[in-house]
Protein backbone atom coordinates (compact mmCIF):
# COMPACT_ATOMS: atom_id res chain seq x y z
CA UNK A 1 0.18 -0.09 0.32
CA UNK A 2 1.46 3.64 -0.78
CA UNK A 3 1.07 6.48 1.26
CA UNK A 4 -1.75 8.82 -0.08
CA UNK A 5 0.42 12.38 -0.38
CA UNK A 6 -2.84 14.74 -0.04
CA UNK A 7 -1.68 18.47 -1.38
CA UNK A 8 1.91 17.69 -2.39
CA UNK A 9 3.02 17.57 -5.50
CA UNK A 10 5.32 14.64 -6.32
CA UNK A 11 8.48 17.20 -7.51
CA UNK A 12 9.07 17.84 -3.84
CA UNK A 13 9.89 14.09 -3.22
CA UNK A 14 13.88 15.08 -3.80
CA UNK A 15 16.11 17.03 -1.55
CA UNK A 16 18.07 18.44 -4.68
CA UNK A 17 17.29 22.14 -3.65
CA UNK A 18 19.88 23.75 -2.09
CA UNK A 19 18.68 25.47 1.60
CA UNK A 20 18.94 29.22 1.97
CA UNK A 21 19.03 31.62 4.98
CA UNK A 22 16.81 34.33 5.31
CA UNK A 23 17.84 38.29 4.69
CA UNK A 24 19.35 39.24 7.61
CA UNK A 25 20.74 42.91 6.81
CA UNK A 26 20.37 45.05 4.41
CA UNK A 27 22.31 44.28 0.60
CA UNK A 28 22.91 46.01 -2.61
CA UNK A 29 22.45 44.24 -6.12
CA UNK A 30 22.29 45.44 -9.39
CA UNK A 31 19.13 43.66 -9.97
CA UNK A 32 16.73 42.03 -7.11
CA UNK A 33 14.32 39.42 -8.54
CA UNK A 34 11.44 39.17 -6.06
CA UNK A 35 10.16 35.33 -6.21
CA UNK A 36 11.80 32.54 -6.29
CA UNK A 37 10.49 30.02 -9.11
CA UNK A 38 11.29 29.20 -12.63
CA UNK A 39 10.43 32.99 -13.66
CA UNK A 40 12.74 34.49 -10.80
CA UNK A 41 15.36 32.09 -11.19
CA UNK A 42 15.53 31.82 -14.90
CA UNK A 43 15.55 35.84 -14.62
CA UNK A 44 18.54 35.85 -12.15
CA UNK A 45 20.59 33.85 -14.17
CA UNK A 46 20.58 34.93 -17.49
CA UNK A 47 21.12 38.64 -16.01
CA UNK A 48 23.90 36.58 -13.89
CA UNK A 49 25.63 35.37 -17.22
CA UNK A 50 25.26 39.11 -18.55
CA UNK A 51 27.83 40.19 -15.63
CA UNK A 52 24.81 41.74 -13.70
CA UNK A 53 25.11 41.36 -9.77
CA UNK A 54 21.60 39.60 -8.99
CA UNK A 55 19.52 38.96 -5.53
CA UNK A 56 16.43 36.58 -4.98
CA UNK A 57 14.39 36.72 -2.23
CA UNK A 58 11.67 34.52 -1.68
CA UNK A 59 8.72 34.50 1.06
CA UNK A 60 9.20 30.80 1.72
CA UNK A 61 11.90 28.34 0.04
CA UNK A 62 12.92 28.67 -3.51
CA UNK A 63 10.85 26.87 -5.75
CA UNK A 64 8.49 26.19 -3.03
CA UNK A 65 5.50 28.54 -4.98
CA UNK A 66 3.75 27.79 -8.20
CA UNK A 67 6.22 26.29 -10.15
CA UNK A 68 6.77 22.91 -7.95
CA UNK A 69 2.69 22.77 -8.41
CA UNK A 70 3.21 22.60 -12.35
CA UNK A 71 3.53 19.57 -14.70
CA UNK A 72 6.01 20.94 -15.99
CA UNK A 73 5.82 20.62 -19.63
CA UNK A 74 7.23 23.34 -21.85
CA UNK A 75 5.11 23.68 -24.89
CA UNK A 76 4.45 25.01 -28.61
CA UNK A 77 1.06 23.83 -28.10
CA UNK A 78 -0.73 26.47 -26.11
CA UNK A 79 -3.73 26.20 -23.62
CA UNK A 80 -5.18 29.17 -25.71
CA UNK A 81 -5.49 27.85 -29.53
CA UNK A 82 -4.05 29.64 -31.67
CA UNK A 83 -6.75 30.07 -34.31
CA UNK A 84 -7.90 32.65 -30.71
CA UNK A 85 -4.26 34.23 -30.92
CA UNK A 86 -4.79 34.85 -34.59
CA UNK A 87 -8.53 36.75 -33.50
CA UNK A 88 -6.86 38.45 -30.94
CA UNK A 89 -3.51 39.23 -32.27
CA UNK A 90 -4.00 38.90 -36.05
CA UNK A 91 -1.42 36.38 -37.90
CA UNK A 92 2.22 38.43 -37.39
CA UNK A 93 1.09 38.18 -33.48
CA UNK A 94 0.37 34.51 -33.42
CA UNK A 95 4.01 33.81 -35.50
CA UNK A 96 5.99 36.08 -32.97
CA UNK A 97 3.88 33.78 -30.21
CA UNK A 98 4.85 30.51 -31.80
CA UNK A 99 8.31 31.70 -32.08
CA UNK A 100 8.86 32.75 -28.16
CA UNK A 101 7.44 29.74 -26.99
CA UNK A 102 10.02 27.70 -29.74
CA UNK A 103 12.62 29.84 -28.24
CA UNK A 104 11.80 29.73 -24.42
CA UNK A 105 12.14 25.55 -24.89
CA UNK A 106 15.30 25.90 -26.71
CA UNK A 107 16.85 28.29 -23.79
CA UNK A 108 15.65 25.75 -21.17
CA UNK A 109 17.67 23.31 -23.02
CA UNK A 110 20.65 25.42 -23.52
CA UNK A 111 20.57 26.38 -19.92
CA UNK A 112 20.34 22.72 -19.00
CA UNK A 113 23.47 21.62 -21.08
CA UNK A 114 25.45 24.63 -20.06
CA UNK A 115 24.74 23.98 -16.54
CA UNK A 116 25.02 20.34 -16.47
CA UNK A 117 21.69 19.92 -14.77
CA UNK A 118 20.76 16.63 -13.87
CA UNK A 119 17.13 17.20 -14.30
CA UNK A 120 15.51 14.22 -16.26
CA UNK A 121 15.04 16.66 -19.63
CA UNK A 122 14.09 15.30 -22.39
CA UNK A 123 12.00 15.88 -26.45
CA UNK A 124 8.41 14.36 -25.95
CA UNK A 125 5.57 14.40 -28.38
CA UNK A 126 2.37 16.28 -27.34
CA UNK A 127 -0.99 15.19 -28.74
CA UNK A 128 -3.90 17.64 -28.90
CA UNK A 129 -7.32 15.92 -28.77
CA UNK A 130 -11.47 16.69 -29.22
CA UNK A 131 -12.64 13.81 -27.72
CA UNK A 132 -16.30 14.89 -26.46
CA UNK A 133 -16.16 18.33 -28.15
CA UNK A 134 -19.20 19.57 -29.69
CA UNK A 135 -17.05 21.74 -32.01
CA UNK A 136 -16.59 19.36 -34.83
CA UNK A 137 -13.96 21.34 -36.69
CA UNK A 138 -11.78 22.42 -33.62
CA UNK A 139 -9.29 20.48 -34.69
CA UNK A 140 -8.73 21.80 -38.09
CA UNK A 141 -9.05 25.17 -37.20
CA UNK A 142 -6.28 24.79 -34.99
CA UNK A 143 -4.30 22.61 -37.18
CA UNK A 144 -4.64 25.95 -40.16
CA UNK A 145 -3.44 28.31 -37.48
CA UNK A 146 -0.34 26.33 -36.48
CA UNK A 147 1.11 26.53 -40.15
CA UNK A 148 -0.09 29.77 -40.37
CA UNK A 149 2.03 30.71 -37.07
CA UNK A 150 5.23 28.96 -38.50
CA UNK A 151 5.14 25.67 -36.83
CA UNK A 152 5.34 22.58 -39.13
CA UNK A 153 6.34 20.21 -36.71
CA UNK A 154 2.90 19.05 -36.61
CA UNK A 155 0.37 16.92 -38.52
CA UNK A 156 -3.08 15.55 -38.21
CA UNK A 157 -3.84 11.88 -36.97
CA UNK A 158 -7.11 10.13 -36.83
CA UNK A 159 -5.88 8.42 -33.60
CA UNK A 160 -3.19 9.08 -30.51
CA UNK A 161 -1.63 5.53 -30.99
CA UNK A 162 -0.68 3.81 -27.75
CA UNK A 163 -3.53 4.96 -25.70
CA UNK A 164 -6.27 2.32 -24.29
CA UNK A 165 -9.10 4.49 -25.02
CA UNK A 166 -10.20 5.98 -28.68
CA UNK A 167 -9.16 9.52 -28.62
CA UNK A 168 -10.57 10.20 -32.06
CA UNK A 169 -8.71 12.64 -34.47
CA UNK A 170 -5.89 14.69 -32.99
CA UNK A 171 -2.82 17.00 -33.85
CA UNK A 172 0.85 15.70 -32.87
CA UNK A 173 3.48 18.20 -32.16
CA UNK A 174 7.06 17.20 -31.79
CA UNK A 175 9.67 18.44 -29.99
CA UNK A 176 7.85 19.02 -26.48
CA UNK A 177 9.82 19.44 -23.56
CA UNK A 178 9.91 17.98 -20.31
CA UNK A 179 11.85 17.77 -16.96
CA UNK A 180 12.02 17.46 -13.45
CA UNK A 181 10.83 21.01 -12.17
CA UNK A 182 12.71 20.93 -8.75
CA UNK A 183 15.62 19.50 -9.89
CA UNK A 184 15.49 22.33 -12.40
CA UNK A 185 15.08 25.18 -10.12
CA UNK A 186 17.91 23.37 -7.93
CA UNK A 187 20.44 23.67 -10.89
CA UNK A 188 19.74 27.15 -11.79
CA UNK A 189 19.85 28.17 -7.89
CA UNK A 190 23.47 26.61 -7.37
CA UNK A 191 24.56 28.11 -10.90
CA UNK A 192 23.47 31.74 -9.49
CA UNK A 193 25.37 31.39 -6.57
CA UNK A 194 28.42 29.80 -8.19
CA UNK A 195 28.26 32.93 -10.23
CA UNK A 196 28.12 35.39 -7.14
CA UNK A 197 24.39 36.07 -6.77
CA UNK A 198 22.39 35.60 -3.72
CA UNK A 199 19.55 34.00 -2.57
CA UNK A 200 17.42 34.34 0.70
CA UNK A 201 14.86 32.34 1.58
CA UNK A 202 11.97 33.09 3.81
CA UNK A 203 12.49 36.55 3.19
CA UNK A 204 8.95 38.25 2.87
CA UNK A 205 8.39 41.42 0.63
CA UNK A 206 6.22 44.34 1.69
CA UNK A 207 7.18 47.13 -0.81
CA UNK A 208 8.65 47.29 -4.02
CA UNK A 209 10.25 51.28 -5.04
CA UNK A 210 11.34 51.66 -8.32
CA UNK A 211 13.25 54.86 -9.67
CA UNK A 212 16.54 56.22 -9.03
CA UNK A 213 17.01 54.90 -5.62
CA UNK A 214 14.97 52.06 -6.39
CA UNK A 215 14.66 49.22 -3.19
CA UNK A 216 12.89 46.46 -1.97
CA UNK A 217 11.89 46.22 1.59
CA UNK A 218 11.15 43.14 3.73
CA UNK A 219 8.75 42.82 6.85
CA UNK A 220 11.97 42.20 8.89
CA UNK A 221 12.92 46.14 8.03
CA UNK A 222 16.04 45.00 5.78
CA UNK A 223 16.16 46.32 2.26
CA UNK A 224 18.11 45.50 -1.18
CA UNK A 225 19.14 48.46 -3.07
CA UNK A 226 19.00 47.90 -6.87
CA UNK A 227 19.41 49.23 -10.19
CA UNK A 228 16.37 47.19 -11.06
CA UNK A 229 13.99 45.49 -9.82
CA UNK A 230 12.20 42.23 -11.17
CA UNK A 231 8.56 41.14 -9.36
CA UNK A 232 7.78 37.32 -10.50
CA UNK A 233 5.66 36.31 -8.03
CA UNK A 234 3.08 34.42 -10.53
CA UNK A 235 0.43 37.67 -9.33
CA UNK A 236 2.20 40.63 -8.81
CA UNK A 237 2.30 42.07 -5.49
CA UNK A 238 3.53 45.27 -6.36
CA UNK A 239 0.32 46.91 -7.29
CA UNK A 240 -3.23 47.25 -6.86
CA UNK A 241 -4.92 47.74 -9.83
CA UNK A 242 -3.01 47.85 -13.22
CA UNK A 243 -2.40 44.19 -14.08
CA UNK A 244 -5.27 42.53 -12.18
CA UNK A 245 -8.06 44.00 -14.16
CA UNK A 246 -6.56 42.10 -17.10
CA UNK A 247 -5.78 38.76 -15.50
CA UNK A 248 -8.05 36.00 -13.64
CA UNK A 249 -7.05 33.62 -11.12
CA UNK A 250 -7.87 30.09 -11.42
CA UNK A 251 -7.39 26.83 -9.22
CA UNK A 252 -6.40 23.80 -11.05
CA UNK A 253 -6.27 20.26 -10.00
CA UNK A 254 -3.72 17.60 -9.93
CA UNK A 255 -3.87 13.81 -9.80
CA UNK A 256 -1.23 11.12 -9.42
CA UNK A 257 -2.12 7.84 -10.34
CA UNK A 258 -0.14 4.57 -10.41
CA UNK A 259 0.01 2.74 -13.83
CA UNK A 260 2.30 -0.13 -15.11
CA UNK A 261 5.68 0.45 -16.11
CA UNK A 262 4.95 1.22 -19.88
CA UNK A 263 1.94 1.04 -20.37
CA UNK A 264 1.78 4.41 -21.61
CA UNK A 265 3.52 5.83 -24.16
CA UNK A 266 5.67 9.01 -22.60
CA UNK A 267 4.15 11.96 -24.02
CA UNK A 268 1.94 15.19 -23.30
CA UNK A 269 -1.50 14.85 -23.84
CA UNK A 270 -4.15 17.84 -24.13
CA UNK A 271 -8.05 17.73 -24.68
CA UNK A 272 -10.22 21.02 -25.73
CA UNK A 273 -12.55 20.54 -23.31
CA UNK A 274 -13.88 23.32 -20.66
CA UNK A 275 -12.62 22.83 -18.40
CA UNK A 276 -9.93 20.96 -20.04
CA UNK A 277 -7.41 18.09 -18.98
CA UNK A 278 -3.57 18.06 -19.44
CA UNK A 279 -1.23 14.59 -19.04
CA UNK A 280 2.15 13.51 -18.37
CA UNK A 281 3.82 10.18 -17.76
CA UNK A 282 6.94 10.00 -15.46
CA UNK A 283 8.90 7.24 -15.38
CA UNK A 284 11.16 6.01 -12.70
CA UNK A 285 13.98 3.92 -13.66
CA UNK A 286 13.75 2.29 -10.15
CA UNK A 287 10.11 1.33 -9.96
CA UNK A 288 7.68 -1.27 -11.62
CA UNK A 289 5.32 1.25 -11.82
CA UNK A 290 4.75 4.50 -13.77
CA UNK A 291 2.95 7.55 -12.70
CA UNK A 292 -0.01 9.22 -15.20
CA UNK A 293 0.13 12.42 -14.08
CA UNK A 294 -3.32 14.07 -14.49
CA UNK A 295 -4.62 17.60 -14.24
CA UNK A 296 -7.54 19.93 -15.00
CA UNK A 297 -11.05 20.63 -13.74
CA UNK A 298 -10.31 24.21 -13.26
CA UNK A 299 -12.48 26.60 -11.56
CA UNK A 300 -11.96 30.64 -10.33
CA UNK A 301 -10.43 31.04 -7.46
CA UNK A 302 -12.51 31.29 -4.91
CA UNK A 303 -16.34 30.75 -6.42
CA UNK A 304 -16.44 26.80 -6.33
CA UNK A 305 -18.24 25.66 -3.15
CA UNK A 306 -17.20 22.50 -3.20
CA UNK A 307 -13.22 22.29 -4.92
CA UNK A 308 -12.57 18.83 -3.23
CA UNK A 309 -15.46 17.38 -5.80
CA UNK A 310 -12.85 18.74 -8.62
CA UNK A 311 -10.52 15.73 -7.58
CA UNK A 312 -13.21 13.51 -7.93
CA UNK A 313 -14.43 14.65 -11.03
CA UNK A 314 -10.76 14.68 -12.18
CA UNK A 315 -10.35 10.93 -10.87
CA UNK A 316 -13.61 9.49 -12.60
CA UNK A 317 -12.59 11.40 -15.91
CA UNK A 318 -9.00 9.81 -15.64
CA UNK A 319 -10.45 6.07 -14.68
CA UNK A 320 -12.82 6.03 -17.78
CA UNK A 321 -9.60 6.82 -19.89
CA UNK A 322 -7.04 4.61 -18.22
CA UNK A 323 -8.25 1.31 -16.97
CA UNK A 324 -4.97 0.17 -15.85
CA UNK A 325 -4.57 2.59 -13.58
CA UNK A 326 -4.50 1.70 -9.87
CA UNK A 327 -4.88 3.93 -6.96
CA UNK A 328 -4.25 8.09 -6.52
CA UNK A 329 -1.25 8.43 -4.50
CA UNK A 330 -0.46 12.47 -4.75
CA UNK A 331 -3.12 14.79 -4.79
CA UNK A 332 -2.45 18.62 -5.06
CA UNK A 333 -3.51 21.99 -6.72
CA UNK A 334 -2.01 25.03 -7.93
CA UNK A 335 -3.12 28.70 -9.33
CA UNK A 336 -3.14 30.03 -12.92
CA UNK A 337 -3.49 33.28 -14.20
CA UNK A 338 -5.90 33.73 -16.90
CA UNK A 339 -5.28 37.14 -19.09
CA UNK A 340 -7.87 38.45 -20.82
CA UNK A 341 -6.13 38.26 -24.16
CA UNK A 342 -4.47 34.90 -23.78
CA UNK A 343 -0.99 35.87 -23.84
CA UNK A 344 1.37 36.61 -20.35
CA UNK A 345 2.11 40.22 -19.11
CA UNK A 346 5.82 40.13 -19.10
CA UNK A 347 8.18 43.80 -18.86
CA UNK A 348 8.19 47.05 -17.48
CA UNK A 349 5.54 46.93 -14.91
CA UNK A 350 2.04 49.33 -15.82
CA UNK A 351 1.96 52.87 -14.07
CA UNK A 352 5.28 51.89 -12.32
CA UNK A 353 8.92 53.27 -12.60
CA UNK A 354 10.92 52.54 -15.67
CA UNK A 355 12.90 50.16 -13.68
CA UNK A 356 10.26 47.81 -12.29
CA UNK A 357 9.62 44.92 -14.67
CA UNK A 358 6.78 41.79 -14.18
CA UNK A 359 6.29 38.31 -14.88
CA UNK A 360 2.78 37.24 -14.71
CA UNK A 361 -0.19 35.93 -16.96
CA UNK A 362 1.11 32.26 -17.75
CA UNK A 363 -2.19 31.40 -19.32
CA UNK A 364 -1.72 27.96 -18.80
CA UNK A 365 1.49 28.29 -20.23
CA UNK A 366 3.75 28.68 -17.25
CA UNK A 367 7.10 27.07 -17.92
CA UNK A 368 7.40 28.66 -21.52
CA UNK A 369 6.02 31.97 -20.66
CA UNK A 370 8.12 32.56 -17.31
CA UNK A 371 11.14 31.55 -19.21
CA UNK A 372 9.93 34.05 -22.19
CA UNK A 373 9.83 36.65 -19.87
CA UNK A 374 13.32 35.98 -18.22
CA UNK A 375 14.37 36.56 -22.01
CA UNK A 376 12.65 39.79 -22.48
CA UNK A 377 13.37 41.37 -19.27
CA UNK A 378 16.80 40.73 -19.69
CA UNK A 379 17.22 42.34 -22.59
CA UNK A 380 15.08 45.22 -21.29
CA UNK A 381 17.74 45.94 -18.69
CA UNK A 382 20.63 45.14 -21.02
CA UNK A 383 19.43 47.84 -23.23
CA UNK A 384 19.20 44.96 -26.23
CA UNK A 385 16.11 44.98 -29.19
CA UNK A 386 13.90 41.98 -28.27
CA UNK A 387 11.06 41.45 -31.41
CA UNK A 388 8.31 40.13 -28.67
CA UNK A 389 8.33 43.05 -26.30
CA UNK A 390 5.31 44.86 -27.79
CA UNK A 391 3.39 41.60 -27.84
CA UNK A 392 3.89 40.71 -24.59
CA UNK A 393 3.42 44.72 -23.33
CA UNK A 394 1.92 44.60 -20.02
CA UNK A 395 0.49 47.91 -20.50
CA UNK A 396 -1.23 46.97 -23.64
CA UNK A 397 -4.41 47.57 -24.49
CA UNK A 398 -6.59 44.89 -26.76
CA UNK A 399 -9.97 46.09 -28.12
CA UNK A 400 -10.37 42.70 -29.68
CA UNK A 401 -10.52 41.06 -25.91
CA UNK A 402 -12.62 43.82 -24.37
CA UNK A 403 -15.72 41.80 -24.34
CA UNK A 404 -13.65 38.98 -21.79
CA UNK A 405 -12.39 42.10 -20.15
CA UNK A 406 -15.83 43.26 -19.80
CA UNK A 407 -16.82 39.90 -18.11
CA UNK A 408 -13.90 39.22 -15.84
CA UNK A 409 -14.04 42.59 -14.16
CA UNK A 410 -18.32 42.89 -14.06
CA UNK A 411 -17.39 39.29 -12.14
CA UNK A 412 -15.21 40.56 -9.67
CA UNK A 413 -17.80 43.16 -9.14
CA UNK A 414 -20.08 41.16 -8.32
CA UNK A 415 -18.33 39.58 -5.48
CA UNK A 416 -18.40 42.55 -3.50
CA UNK A 417 -21.96 42.12 -3.12
CA UNK A 418 -20.92 39.70 -0.20
CA UNK A 419 -20.65 42.65 1.92
CA UNK A 420 -24.40 43.30 1.98
CA UNK A 421 -25.37 39.39 2.74
CA UNK A 422 -26.60 38.53 6.02
CA UNK A 423 -24.23 35.70 6.67
CA UNK A 424 -25.56 34.73 10.49
CA UNK A 425 -23.37 34.04 13.02
CA UNK A 426 -22.96 29.77 13.36
CA UNK A 427 -23.49 27.88 16.16
CA UNK A 428 -19.47 27.28 17.15
CA UNK A 429 -20.61 23.85 18.13
CA UNK A 430 -21.48 22.42 15.14
CA UNK A 431 -18.53 23.70 13.16
CA UNK A 432 -16.81 20.68 12.23
CA UNK A 433 -13.07 20.63 13.13
CA UNK A 434 -9.93 21.97 10.72
CA UNK A 435 -12.96 23.86 8.94
CA UNK A 436 -13.99 27.41 8.48
CA UNK A 437 -16.82 29.55 7.88
CA UNK A 438 -17.78 33.54 7.27
CA UNK A 439 -20.05 35.49 9.24
CA UNK A 440 -21.11 39.09 9.82
CA UNK A 441 -20.95 40.84 12.93
CA UNK A 442 -22.38 44.02 12.84
CA UNK A 443 -20.73 45.60 10.17
CA UNK A 444 -17.64 43.63 9.97
CA UNK A 445 -17.26 40.56 8.02
CA UNK A 446 -15.43 37.39 10.03
CA UNK A 447 -13.71 34.37 8.93
CA UNK A 448 -13.48 31.60 12.13
CA UNK A 449 -12.03 29.06 12.01
CA UNK A 450 -12.16 25.46 14.29
CA UNK A 451 -8.99 23.28 14.74
CA UNK A 452 -8.64 19.67 15.50
CA UNK A 453 -9.23 19.91 19.02
CA UNK A 454 -11.74 22.74 19.44
CA UNK A 455 -10.19 25.90 19.42
CA UNK A 456 -11.44 28.74 17.92
CA UNK A 457 -9.61 31.11 15.59
CA UNK A 458 -11.09 34.67 14.71
CA UNK A 459 -9.91 37.14 12.09
CA UNK A 460 -10.93 39.47 9.54
CA UNK A 461 -12.83 37.99 6.38
CA UNK A 462 -11.58 41.08 4.49
CA UNK A 463 -8.93 40.59 2.10
CA UNK A 464 -6.17 43.02 2.66
CA UNK A 465 -5.55 43.21 -0.96
CA UNK A 466 -8.79 45.16 -2.17
CA UNK A 467 -11.60 44.25 0.39
CA UNK A 468 -13.19 41.20 -0.98
CA UNK A 469 -14.54 38.64 1.37
CA UNK A 470 -12.69 35.81 1.75
CA UNK A 471 -14.21 31.97 1.04
CA UNK A 472 -13.46 28.91 2.48
CA UNK A 473 -11.68 26.84 0.41
CA UNK A 474 -12.23 22.73 2.10
CA UNK A 475 -10.11 21.14 -0.07
CA UNK A 476 -6.73 23.26 0.66
CA UNK A 477 -7.82 24.19 4.23
CA UNK A 478 -7.62 27.92 3.24
CA UNK A 479 -9.41 31.09 2.76
CA UNK A 480 -9.53 32.47 -1.00
CA UNK A 481 -10.63 35.81 -2.23
CA UNK A 482 -12.85 35.50 -5.36
CA UNK A 483 -11.84 39.00 -6.33
CA UNK A 484 -7.82 38.63 -7.44
CA UNK A 485 -7.20 34.94 -5.95
CA UNK A 486 -5.39 36.33 -2.85
CA UNK A 487 -5.13 33.17 -0.36
CA UNK A 488 -4.40 32.52 2.81
CA UNK A 489 -3.80 29.57 5.21
CA UNK A 490 -6.62 28.67 7.87
CA UNK A 491 -4.79 31.07 10.46
CA UNK A 492 -5.09 33.65 8.06
CA UNK A 493 -1.52 34.11 7.43
CA UNK A 494 -0.62 35.03 3.61
CA UNK A 495 0.20 32.12 1.07
CA UNK A 496 -0.56 34.03 -2.66
CA UNK A 497 -0.24 37.35 -3.87
CA UNK A 498 -1.67 39.93 -4.59
CA UNK A 499 -2.33 40.67 -1.09
CA UNK A 500 1.02 41.06 1.05
CA UNK A 501 -0.50 40.95 4.64
CA UNK A 502 -2.28 38.59 7.13
CA UNK A 503 -5.73 38.60 7.70
CA UNK A 504 -6.24 41.03 10.34
CA UNK A 505 -6.73 39.70 13.87
CA UNK A 506 -10.00 40.20 15.73
CA UNK A 507 -11.55 39.69 19.15
CA UNK A 508 -14.88 37.64 19.09
CA UNK A 509 -16.49 36.66 22.44
CA UNK A 510 -16.80 32.71 22.38
CA UNK A 511 -18.56 30.06 24.83
CA UNK A 512 -16.10 28.54 26.95
CA UNK A 513 -17.39 25.10 26.76
CA UNK A 514 -16.09 25.39 23.04
CA UNK A 515 -12.42 25.85 24.37
CA UNK A 516 -10.13 28.73 24.56
CA UNK A 517 -10.60 31.32 22.06
CA UNK A 518 -7.23 32.21 20.22
CA UNK A 519 -6.59 34.77 17.16
CA UNK A 520 -4.42 34.25 14.06
CA UNK A 521 -0.61 34.65 15.08
CA UNK A 522 1.81 37.10 13.62
CA UNK A 523 3.81 34.51 12.11
CA UNK A 524 4.57 34.14 8.37
CA UNK A 525 3.01 30.66 7.20
CA UNK A 526 5.05 27.77 6.13
CA UNK A 527 3.04 26.43 3.65
CA UNK A 528 4.95 25.51 0.85
CA UNK A 529 2.35 27.02 -1.63
CA UNK A 530 3.52 30.28 -1.03
CA UNK A 531 4.20 31.99 -4.48
CA UNK A 532 6.29 34.88 -3.85
């Protein structure tokens, strides 16, 4: 019997990642990178190779944010179809997007070989199929758009070879790339340190200042004085509105299942459904099984009453197609940022100083989007030309996506109606241990959490970013903001931006028979899901 790893990505079962200390004093760097995932580490690495002194600060452990929660697929196949890119950005924009994702894959391969990083990197095929999609022409439209974009190593097939179910027609993509993301980040971190860079763990940033006297300030009061700042935190933590009105946060779910070794060809598999599904095979040379990794069933963050059911749906979908799978031994979720026009926001941060940059808007292709961002920002800081700058400009306004922009912001506005809801105070005896609930206390909205021994913790339910009312996430045991995706652990400690501070402590009278009343502690969380 295998031990079930709840909310624990398979990639964390390695000791490859070196350990780093928190920042304990003021330092100087040419460039301060906020965020220690693939985006931040790749940016720091490329700038270090250009001769810049770099400093990376990460709120938790290097690689412990969203980058360890990915399925690590470096693809030219995009979650937002190329025929949609043509509509939004024209054929020229679609070609640039294809070119940039190809270049990102080549850049990763170049880094791995140059630094001799042992990260199980290999090229694989990818297959896009439309089983169950009511759009009968979706694959034909996509194939045509791929050729228009200059992606030629694709072909239409009548069936995906080697699968135990009838996929129907598909598009085969050649030369995709997979690797072990934590081992890759460990190699990047080692190369940065060997090159004279600085890396600090458990260093939480609460202020970013650009301009002639740029700096990054931490919760401990220390400063990183610098010439440029790169915010690479999945969701930007350095502005209130500029980016957050143009992208939406989604939770995505992943399960890892045992299958007989060699029973499924090592490749990427994606369907065109909504919500969609994505698959890769993790092979272990020392095991009699392979791991079937299946993700999908996305929904907007904080807007699903029973998120735990998404895992069940994912397992049901998988068992219906892969009858050889045995037990589910891994289960985790991650956060995906969906831009309104399908491309990442990479470059100068809107409404900020000239030397503050951002990498966000992964659109389900975080591995390549983050690498593209690192390449572009390196060019911007080094005053070098880059053909993709305008396409990915975070300040861009796309009139062709105005409908999606209006829809997403109307959805956000609707979430503030929670402030008008009655939400009566619960009977504390009825609260289930390790569960939470939001209720009204006069004009305040309060979040209460009951721990495993019956103690109660009370905190404000108002997200410190822009005041949305947080919702309880029963699957992750967290408080999630349905407006812009900020997330807090069960004690109210921030684990996901754009918020940079904890939920405020609240004193509430409670019956003694429930147990002593506690309030949310001040210490930062040790939750491995922190993304900045």
